[in-house]
Amino acid sequence: MNSVFVLDTDKTPLMPCRPSRARRLLRDGRAAVFRMQPFTVILKYRVVPTPQPVEFKVDPGSKTTGMALVGHFSVQGRVVLWAANLMHRGQSVRDRLERRRLLRRGRRGRKTRYRAPRFLNRTRPQGWLAPSLRSRVENVSTWFNRLLDRAPISACHIETVRFDLQKIQNPEISGVEYQQGELQGYEVREYVLEKWGRKCAYCHKTNIPLEIEHLVPRSRGGSHRVSNLTLACTPCNQKKNSKTAAEFGYPHLQTKANQPLKDAAAVNATRYAIGRAIQSIGLPTSFWSGGRTKKNRLSQGYAKDHWIDAACVGESGEQVTLAEGDRPLQIKATGRGTRQVVRTDKYGFPRGKAGRCKRVKGFQTGDRVRLIQPKGKYEGAHTGILAGIRANGVFDIKAKAGKISANWKNFKLIQRGEGYDYGLSAV
């Protein structure tokens, strides 16, 4: 279970505490709830802060980024205080931009007046990133700034080099010395695992021991390049023996092996932007490779998860204690609504009218609310996100039971919408 963030009466961040201690503070009236997600309490009295070192660690990913706060104590050593998996919406941003582009193109095609094409003289600023990539950077930067206001962070550790694609594609680019040392093979193996979905390329079995296998065997002139590597279980590897993948009945695997890894490209495009955004705060910041992260995790016997990878980043990740039953916070980026004023039908023509009010009865789409339904099919209490509001006072809530419509008088505001949805991972 994550620790609870604690603020002084003047909102100075203190060391996070256990949930049991936070409950006692709330029960005795010595603290009040400051924020629900991430859960934060604010004390009603002043204390002299004596914080221990707290490290912010992040493992950037294409779809999900792991974050962890690790405290360094004199007796317990390094302990994970808080962790979360941040799920990005990069693909959603890309799809929406594509729909907008098609809509505008269709609108231009329906107009009869000729308009000359605009001269392409626009230049992109230095460090420009596509909106789908920039959203990943801004998500991590936003949460780093939020955690700065909740905990006394003293240092940052970032995994910026997930895959060195140039050296992986051509290991001989700097000689065999690059492949030697403690981290030998970790970078290549992690890349192959990601590319082939951590399953056997031949029988598609998962959760079994996998081996690095050559599509064209070394005995037949195959190389160690990553475009010639795949994953195979032991029975399939032995059955294939010295055959090529095509001779073994899988000619399509070579085509897939030559395709670039989309997620790795997204991480490589944003890794340094995330590092610069965090480093700009001024805290001591260090950068590490994914090979070292995996080595730390495997040496401690921890399972594969984004937040666990974040806790194991860097030199300080060699010895990290995870409490039994830890459940990281699941944070999903949802955005803040839409800029599209009028919806259109499948032909691109306007459908309906533009929304005339943004907030009704003090509520807004995206707010986290609690619904007390007095009767009917969904009788009881429901917590979720407002999916839609209407001027007549009938709101839609997206809860575990599904989409529920109810009168605004039955809703209670928990937290204003901020572009993120929250939940806890399964045990």
Protein backbone atom coordinates (compact mmCIF):
# COMPACT_ATOMS: atom_id res chain seq x y z
CA MET A 1 0.00 0.00 0.00
CA ASN A 2 1.32 3.47 -0.83
CA SER A 3 2.32 5.82 1.95
CA VAL A 4 0.20 8.89 2.64
CA PHE A 5 1.61 12.30 1.79
CA VAL A 6 1.73 14.76 4.68
CA LEU A 7 1.84 18.56 4.50
CA ASP A 8 2.59 21.03 7.27
CA THR A 9 0.00 23.68 8.07
CA ASP A 10 1.84 26.02 5.68
CA LYS A 11 1.86 23.29 2.97
CA THR A 12 5.50 22.36 3.43
CA PRO A 13 5.97 18.72 2.36
CA LEU A 14 6.94 16.33 5.16
CA MET A 15 7.99 12.67 5.09
CA PRO A 16 5.13 10.41 3.95
CA CYS A 17 3.58 8.30 6.71
CA ARG A 18 1.84 4.95 6.94
CA PRO A 19 -1.92 4.83 6.24
CA SER A 20 -2.55 3.74 9.84
CA ARG A 21 -0.85 6.87 11.20
CA ALA A 22 -2.81 9.06 8.79
CA ARG A 23 -6.06 7.50 10.02
CA ARG A 24 -5.12 8.30 13.63
CA LEU A 25 -4.31 11.90 12.72
CA LEU A 26 -7.67 12.29 10.96
CA ARG A 27 -9.58 10.55 13.77
CA ASP A 28 -8.00 12.75 16.47
CA GLY A 29 -8.72 15.93 14.51
CA ARG A 30 -5.04 16.78 14.13
CA ALA A 31 -5.15 16.67 10.33
CA ALA A 32 -7.59 17.11 7.47
CA VAL A 33 -7.83 15.61 3.99
CA PHE A 34 -6.03 17.89 1.56
CA ARG A 35 -6.43 15.83 -1.61
CA MET A 36 -7.94 12.47 -2.49
CA GLN A 37 -5.60 11.42 -5.32
CA PRO A 38 -2.83 11.01 -4.51
CA PHE A 39 -4.12 10.85 -0.95
CA THR A 40 -2.67 13.75 1.03
CA VAL A 41 -3.39 15.07 4.53
CA ILE A 42 -2.53 18.49 5.91
CA LEU A 43 -1.66 18.98 9.57
CA LYS A 44 -3.41 21.58 11.71
CA TYR A 45 -0.22 22.49 13.53
CA ARG A 46 3.37 23.36 12.66
CA VAL A 47 6.24 20.92 13.01
CA VAL A 48 9.98 21.17 12.46
CA PRO A 49 10.68 19.14 9.30
CA THR A 50 13.48 16.57 9.58
CA PRO A 51 13.14 14.68 6.31
CA GLN A 52 15.29 11.75 5.23
CA PRO A 53 16.58 11.61 1.66
CA VAL A 54 13.82 10.75 -0.84
CA GLU A 55 14.67 9.83 -4.42
CA PHE A 56 12.31 10.26 -7.37
CA LYS A 57 12.79 7.47 -9.90
CA VAL A 58 11.15 7.14 -13.29
CA ASP A 59 11.17 4.43 -15.94
CA PRO A 60 9.82 6.10 -19.12
CA GLY A 61 7.74 3.95 -21.45
CA SER A 62 5.77 4.31 -24.66
CA LYS A 63 2.39 3.30 -23.21
CA THR A 64 3.09 3.22 -19.46
CA THR A 65 5.68 5.03 -17.35
CA GLY A 66 6.66 3.74 -13.92
CA MET A 67 7.29 6.20 -11.09
CA ALA A 68 8.52 5.56 -7.56
CA LEU A 69 9.57 7.49 -4.48
CA VAL A 70 12.30 5.69 -2.55
CA GLY A 71 13.24 6.75 0.98
CA HIS A 72 16.71 6.16 2.39
CA PHE A 73 16.59 5.23 6.09
CA SER A 74 19.49 4.44 8.39
CA VAL A 75 18.00 1.13 9.62
CA GLN A 76 15.66 -0.16 6.88
CA GLY A 77 17.85 1.02 4.00
CA ARG A 78 16.10 2.05 0.78
CA VAL A 79 12.34 1.51 0.93
CA VAL A 80 9.68 2.27 -1.70
CA LEU A 81 7.35 4.87 -0.15
CA TRP A 82 5.03 5.50 -3.09
CA ALA A 83 4.72 4.10 -6.60
CA ALA A 84 2.47 4.52 -9.62
CA ASN A 85 2.01 3.42 -13.21
CA LEU A 86 1.23 6.38 -15.47
CA MET A 87 -0.64 5.32 -18.63
CA HIS A 88 -0.19 7.72 -21.55
CA ARG A 89 -2.64 8.71 -24.26
CA GLY A 90 -0.15 9.21 -27.09
CA GLN A 91 -1.99 6.93 -29.51
CA SER A 92 -5.29 8.64 -28.68
CA VAL A 93 -3.73 12.05 -29.42
CA ARG A 94 -2.44 10.77 -32.74
CA ASP A 95 -5.84 9.31 -33.70
CA ARG A 96 -7.66 12.54 -32.86
CA LEU A 97 -5.23 14.61 -34.89
CA GLU A 98 -5.71 12.23 -37.81
CA ARG A 99 -9.51 12.59 -37.58
CA ARG A 100 -9.19 16.36 -37.49
CA ARG A 101 -6.94 16.30 -40.53
CA LEU A 102 -9.42 14.19 -42.47
CA LEU A 103 -12.31 16.40 -41.39
CA ARG A 104 -10.55 19.55 -42.57
CA ARG A 105 -9.54 17.94 -45.83
CA GLY A 106 -13.15 16.87 -46.44
CA ARG A 107 -14.39 20.37 -45.67
CA ARG A 108 -11.97 21.89 -48.16
CA GLY A 109 -13.10 19.37 -50.75
CA ARG A 110 -16.78 20.29 -50.30
CA LYS A 111 -16.13 23.99 -50.94
CA THR A 112 -16.29 25.04 -54.58
CA ARG A 113 -14.10 28.12 -54.27
CA TYR A 114 -10.53 27.47 -55.31
CA ARG A 115 -7.87 28.23 -52.72
CA ALA A 116 -4.23 28.07 -53.61
CA PRO A 117 -2.09 25.88 -51.36
CA ARG A 118 -0.17 27.66 -48.63
CA PHE A 119 3.54 28.05 -49.23
CA LEU A 120 5.35 25.67 -46.88
CA ASN A 121 7.74 28.10 -45.25
CA ARG A 122 6.98 27.25 -41.62
CA THR A 123 9.88 25.98 -39.56
CA ARG A 124 9.77 23.91 -36.40
CA PRO A 125 11.54 25.16 -33.26
CA GLN A 126 14.57 23.34 -31.94
CA GLY A 127 13.61 20.33 -29.86
CA TRP A 128 10.18 20.06 -31.47
CA LEU A 129 8.23 16.89 -30.72
CA ALA A 130 5.04 15.58 -32.27
CA PRO A 131 1.96 16.18 -30.07
CA SER A 132 1.61 12.46 -29.31
CA LEU A 133 5.20 12.39 -28.03
CA ARG A 134 4.99 15.74 -26.27
CA SER A 135 2.00 14.50 -24.26
CA ARG A 136 4.21 11.78 -22.75
CA VAL A 137 6.82 14.31 -21.69
CA GLU A 138 4.21 16.66 -20.22
CA ASN A 139 2.53 13.84 -18.28
CA VAL A 140 5.77 12.88 -16.54
CA SER A 141 6.75 16.51 -15.95
CA THR A 142 3.33 17.29 -14.49
CA TRP A 143 3.50 14.44 -12.01
CA PHE A 144 7.07 15.23 -11.03
CA ASN A 145 6.01 18.78 -10.13
CA ARG A 146 3.03 17.44 -8.16
CA LEU A 147 5.21 15.07 -6.19
CA LEU A 148 7.63 17.90 -5.45
CA ASP A 149 4.76 19.61 -3.64
CA ARG A 150 3.90 16.43 -1.70
CA ALA A 151 7.27 14.96 -0.65
CA PRO A 152 10.77 16.28 0.22
CA ILE A 153 12.50 14.96 -2.91
CA SER A 154 16.29 15.34 -2.77
CA ALA A 155 17.48 13.59 -5.94
CA CYS A 156 16.18 12.18 -9.24
CA HIS A 157 17.14 9.06 -11.17
CA ILE A 158 15.91 8.60 -14.74
CA GLU A 159 16.24 5.69 -17.12
CA THR A 160 16.99 7.54 -20.35
CA VAL A 161 18.73 4.86 -22.39
CA ARG A 162 16.23 2.05 -22.85
CA PHE A 163 17.70 0.78 -26.11
CA ASP A 164 20.75 2.09 -27.95
CA LEU A 165 19.28 1.23 -31.36
CA GLN A 166 22.42 2.02 -33.34
CA LYS A 167 24.65 -0.22 -31.24
CA ILE A 168 22.03 -2.96 -31.05
CA GLN A 169 21.52 -3.05 -34.81
CA ASN A 170 25.28 -3.11 -35.40
CA PRO A 171 27.18 -4.31 -32.32
CA GLU A 172 30.50 -4.08 -34.16
CA ILE A 173 30.14 -0.29 -34.56
CA SER A 174 32.58 0.31 -31.70
CA GLY A 175 34.24 -3.08 -31.48
CA VAL A 176 33.67 -6.05 -29.25
CA GLU A 177 34.55 -4.06 -26.12
CA TYR A 178 31.01 -2.61 -26.09
CA GLN A 179 29.59 -6.11 -25.53
CA GLN A 180 31.87 -6.87 -22.60
CA GLY A 181 31.39 -6.17 -18.91
CA GLU A 182 28.71 -6.77 -16.29
CA LEU A 183 25.81 -5.61 -18.50
CA GLN A 184 26.75 -7.83 -21.43
CA GLY A 185 23.61 -8.93 -23.31
CA TYR A 186 21.06 -7.15 -21.10
CA GLU A 187 20.33 -4.37 -23.60
CA VAL A 188 19.90 -6.76 -26.56
CA ARG A 189 17.81 -9.26 -24.60
CA GLU A 190 15.46 -6.56 -23.29
CA TYR A 191 15.02 -5.22 -26.82
CA VAL A 192 14.20 -8.68 -28.21
CA LEU A 193 11.75 -9.37 -25.37
CA GLU A 194 9.90 -6.13 -26.06
CA LYS A 195 9.83 -6.64 -29.82
CA TRP A 196 8.48 -10.19 -29.75
CA GLY A 197 5.99 -9.65 -26.93
CA ARG A 198 7.76 -11.92 -24.42
CA LYS A 199 6.43 -15.11 -26.05
CA CYS A 200 7.76 -17.88 -28.27
CA ALA A 201 7.75 -16.78 -31.90
CA TYR A 202 6.83 -20.30 -33.05
CA CYS A 203 4.30 -21.74 -30.56
CA HIS A 204 3.28 -18.36 -29.01
CA LYS A 205 3.48 -19.71 -25.45
CA THR A 206 3.97 -17.18 -22.64
CA ASN A 207 5.18 -17.31 -19.04
CA ILE A 208 7.80 -19.96 -19.87
CA PRO A 209 11.61 -19.80 -20.09
CA LEU A 210 12.60 -18.24 -23.42
CA GLU A 211 15.86 -18.36 -25.31
CA ILE A 212 17.42 -15.95 -27.80
CA GLU A 213 17.25 -17.76 -31.15
CA HIS A 214 18.74 -16.97 -34.57
CA LEU A 215 16.36 -16.91 -37.54
CA VAL A 216 19.29 -17.84 -39.75
CA PRO A 217 21.53 -20.11 -37.63
CA ARG A 218 25.14 -19.18 -37.04
CA SER A 219 26.14 -22.44 -38.72
CA ARG A 220 24.41 -21.21 -41.87
CA GLY A 221 26.09 -17.81 -41.90
CA GLY A 222 23.65 -15.92 -39.66
CA SER A 223 24.86 -12.92 -37.64
CA HIS A 224 24.25 -11.62 -34.12
CA ARG A 225 22.41 -8.56 -35.43
CA VAL A 226 19.09 -7.89 -33.75
CA SER A 227 17.31 -8.26 -37.11
CA ASN A 228 18.33 -11.94 -36.99
CA LEU A 229 17.19 -12.59 -33.41
CA THR A 230 13.90 -13.82 -32.04
CA LEU A 231 12.53 -15.67 -29.00
CA ALA A 232 11.90 -19.41 -28.77
CA CYS A 233 11.09 -21.91 -26.05
CA THR A 234 13.49 -24.80 -25.55
CA PRO A 235 11.39 -27.46 -27.38
CA CYS A 236 10.89 -25.24 -30.45
CA ASN A 237 14.53 -24.22 -30.48
CA GLN A 238 15.68 -27.83 -30.38
CA LYS A 239 13.13 -28.88 -33.00
CA LYS A 240 14.23 -26.09 -35.37
CA ASN A 241 17.87 -27.17 -34.96
CA SER A 242 19.96 -25.81 -37.86
CA LYS A 243 17.05 -24.84 -40.13
CA THR A 244 16.26 -21.27 -41.07
CA ALA A 245 12.93 -19.79 -40.01
CA ALA A 246 11.66 -20.09 -43.60
CA GLU A 247 12.67 -23.75 -43.80
CA PHE A 248 11.02 -24.37 -40.43
CA GLY A 249 7.71 -23.09 -41.83
CA TYR A 250 7.77 -19.48 -40.54
CA PRO A 251 8.94 -17.26 -43.45
CA HIS A 252 6.99 -14.25 -42.13
CA LEU A 253 9.20 -13.93 -39.05
CA GLN A 254 12.04 -12.41 -41.03
CA THR A 255 9.75 -9.62 -42.22
CA LYS A 256 8.70 -8.86 -38.64
CA ALA A 257 12.30 -8.95 -37.44
CA ASN A 258 13.25 -6.25 -39.95
CA GLN A 259 10.48 -3.92 -38.80
CA PRO A 260 11.50 -1.18 -36.36
CA LEU A 261 10.22 -1.31 -32.81
CA LYS A 262 7.63 1.49 -32.64
CA ASP A 263 7.49 1.71 -28.86
CA ALA A 264 11.28 1.83 -28.54
CA ALA A 265 11.40 4.64 -31.10
CA ALA A 266 8.84 6.61 -29.06
CA VAL A 267 10.88 6.14 -25.88
CA ASN A 268 14.10 7.13 -27.62
CA ALA A 269 12.43 10.28 -29.00
CA THR A 270 11.22 11.44 -25.58
CA ARG A 271 13.80 10.13 -23.11
CA TYR A 272 16.09 13.19 -23.18
CA ALA A 273 13.15 15.61 -23.24
CA ILE A 274 11.88 14.02 -20.02
CA GLY A 275 15.37 14.22 -18.55
CA ARG A 276 15.73 17.89 -19.43
CA ALA A 277 12.30 18.73 -17.98
CA ILE A 278 13.18 17.10 -14.65
CA GLN A 279 16.74 18.41 -14.61
CA SER A 280 15.50 21.99 -15.11
CA ILE A 281 14.10 21.99 -11.55
CA GLY A 282 17.65 22.09 -10.21
CA LEU A 283 17.75 18.88 -8.14
CA PRO A 284 20.68 16.45 -8.49
CA THR A 285 19.73 14.28 -11.48
CA SER A 286 21.41 11.16 -12.84
CA PHE A 287 20.71 9.10 -15.95
CA TRP A 288 20.92 5.33 -16.27
CA SER A 289 20.39 2.57 -18.81
CA GLY A 290 17.63 -0.02 -19.01
CA GLY A 291 20.18 -2.81 -18.91
CA ARG A 292 21.24 -1.83 -15.40
CA THR A 293 17.62 -1.54 -14.29
CA LYS A 294 16.86 -5.07 -15.43
CA LYS A 295 20.02 -6.42 -13.80
CA ASN A 296 19.03 -4.84 -10.47
CA ARG A 297 15.50 -6.22 -10.68
CA LEU A 298 16.54 -9.75 -11.57
CA SER A 299 19.27 -9.89 -8.91
CA GLN A 300 16.66 -9.06 -6.25
CA GLY A 301 14.08 -11.49 -7.62
CA TYR A 302 11.33 -8.94 -8.28
CA ALA A 303 8.56 -9.43 -10.83
CA LYS A 304 8.35 -7.41 -14.04
CA ASP A 305 6.30 -4.23 -13.63
CA HIS A 306 6.80 -0.61 -14.61
CA TRP A 307 6.82 0.78 -11.06
CA ILE A 308 9.22 -1.96 -9.90
CA ASP A 309 11.54 -1.10 -12.78
CA ALA A 310 11.39 2.53 -11.67
CA ALA A 311 12.37 1.56 -8.11
CA CYS A 312 15.35 -0.42 -9.47
CA VAL A 313 16.73 2.38 -11.66
CA GLY A 314 20.36 3.32 -11.13
CA GLU A 315 23.06 2.39 -8.65
CA SER A 316 20.75 2.95 -5.68
CA GLY A 317 18.36 0.37 -7.16
CA GLU A 318 20.68 -2.53 -6.34
CA GLN A 319 19.13 -2.88 -2.87
CA VAL A 320 15.50 -1.70 -2.66
CA THR A 321 12.87 -3.05 -0.27
CA LEU A 322 9.32 -3.57 -1.54
CA ALA A 323 6.68 -4.06 1.13
CA GLU A 324 4.63 -7.23 0.73
CA GLY A 325 1.25 -6.53 -0.84
CA ASP A 326 2.26 -3.17 -2.35
CA ARG A 327 -0.40 -1.93 -4.79
CA PRO A 328 0.77 0.96 -6.97
CA LEU A 329 -1.56 3.74 -7.99
CA GLN A 330 -2.82 3.38 -11.57
CA ILE A 331 -2.93 6.82 -13.23
CA LYS A 332 -4.53 7.10 -16.66
CA ALA A 333 -4.18 10.25 -18.75
CA THR A 334 -7.63 11.12 -20.11
CA GLY A 335 -7.23 14.67 -21.36
CA ARG A 336 -9.36 17.69 -20.55
CA GLY A 337 -12.26 17.29 -22.92
CA THR A 338 -12.25 18.26 -26.59
CA ARG A 339 -11.84 21.41 -28.66
CA GLN A 340 -14.29 20.26 -31.29
CA VAL A 341 -17.24 22.64 -31.03
CA VAL A 342 -19.78 20.77 -33.18
CA ARG A 343 -19.91 17.02 -33.77
CA THR A 344 -20.28 15.73 -37.31
CA ASP A 345 -21.92 12.73 -38.91
CA LYS A 346 -20.04 10.09 -40.90
CA TYR A 347 -20.13 12.31 -43.99
CA GLY A 348 -18.53 15.26 -42.20
CA PHE A 349 -21.65 17.46 -41.97
CA PRO A 350 -22.52 19.22 -38.68
CA ARG A 351 -24.69 17.25 -36.26
CA GLY A 352 -26.47 19.03 -33.40
CA LYS A 353 -25.47 22.32 -31.83
CA ALA A 354 -22.44 23.49 -29.96
CA GLY A 355 -22.44 23.12 -26.18
CA ARG A 356 -23.54 26.38 -24.57
CA CYS A 357 -22.34 25.84 -20.99
CA LYS A 358 -19.14 24.36 -19.58
CA ARG A 359 -20.24 24.00 -15.96
CA VAL A 360 -23.71 23.12 -14.63
CA LYS A 361 -24.68 23.38 -10.96
CA GLY A 362 -20.99 23.60 -10.04
CA PHE A 363 -20.08 20.39 -11.91
CA GLN A 364 -17.97 19.90 -15.03
CA THR A 365 -17.18 16.97 -17.29
CA GLY A 366 -14.18 15.09 -15.91
CA ASP A 367 -14.88 15.81 -12.23
CA ARG A 368 -14.52 12.89 -9.83
CA VAL A 369 -17.84 12.55 -7.99
CA ARG A 370 -19.79 10.26 -5.70
CA LEU A 371 -23.36 9.33 -6.63
CA ILE A 372 -25.91 8.24 -4.04
CA GLN A 373 -28.72 6.66 -6.07
CA PRO A 374 -31.79 6.32 -3.81
CA LYS A 375 -33.68 3.77 -5.92
CA GLY A 376 -33.83 1.96 -9.22
CA LYS A 377 -31.54 -0.47 -10.99
CA TYR A 378 -28.36 1.24 -9.77
CA GLU A 379 -29.47 1.87 -6.19
CA GLY A 380 -26.54 2.49 -3.87
CA ALA A 381 -23.29 4.46 -3.86
CA HIS A 382 -21.11 4.85 -6.96
CA THR A 383 -17.80 6.67 -7.43
CA GLY A 384 -16.46 7.67 -10.81
CA ILE A 385 -15.88 10.35 -13.42
CA LEU A 386 -18.55 12.64 -14.86
CA ALA A 387 -18.86 11.57 -18.48
CA GLY A 388 -21.44 14.18 -19.50
CA ILE A 389 -23.47 17.07 -18.11
CA ARG A 390 -26.71 18.64 -19.36
CA ALA A 391 -28.29 22.00 -18.75
CA ASN A 392 -31.43 20.31 -17.35
CA GLY A 393 -29.38 18.89 -14.46
CA VAL A 394 -29.15 15.25 -15.58
CA PHE A 395 -25.55 14.02 -15.43
CA ASP A 396 -23.81 10.84 -16.62
CA ILE A 397 -21.24 9.12 -14.42
CA LYS A 398 -18.79 6.45 -15.58
CA ALA A 399 -18.51 3.98 -12.69
CA LYS A 400 -17.72 0.28 -12.21
CA ALA A 401 -21.40 -0.57 -12.72
CA GLY A 402 -21.35 1.19 -16.10
CA LYS A 403 -22.68 4.50 -17.35
CA ILE A 404 -25.36 5.84 -15.00
CA SER A 405 -27.63 8.87 -15.51
CA ALA A 406 -28.98 10.69 -12.44
CA ASN A 407 -30.11 14.08 -11.17
CA TRP A 408 -27.41 16.50 -10.10
CA LYS A 409 -28.77 16.65 -6.55
CA ASN A 410 -27.58 13.09 -5.95
CA PHE A 411 -23.96 13.91 -6.80
CA LYS A 412 -21.21 15.05 -4.44
CA LEU A 413 -17.93 16.51 -5.71
CA ILE A 414 -14.81 14.63 -4.60
CA GLN A 415 -12.10 16.22 -6.76
CA ARG A 416 -12.05 18.59 -9.69
CA GLY A 417 -11.19 17.11 -13.07
CA GLU A 418 -7.51 17.42 -13.93
CA GLY A 419 -7.12 15.20 -16.97
CA TYR A 420 -6.35 11.94 -15.10
CA ASP A 421 -8.28 8.94 -13.84
CA TYR A 422 -7.16 6.84 -10.87
CA GLY A 423 -7.39 3.31 -9.59
CA LEU A 424 -5.44 0.63 -7.75
CA SER A 425 -3.78 -2.31 -9.43
CA ALA A 426 -4.89 -5.85 -8.65
CA VAL A 427 -2.98 -7.67 -5.93
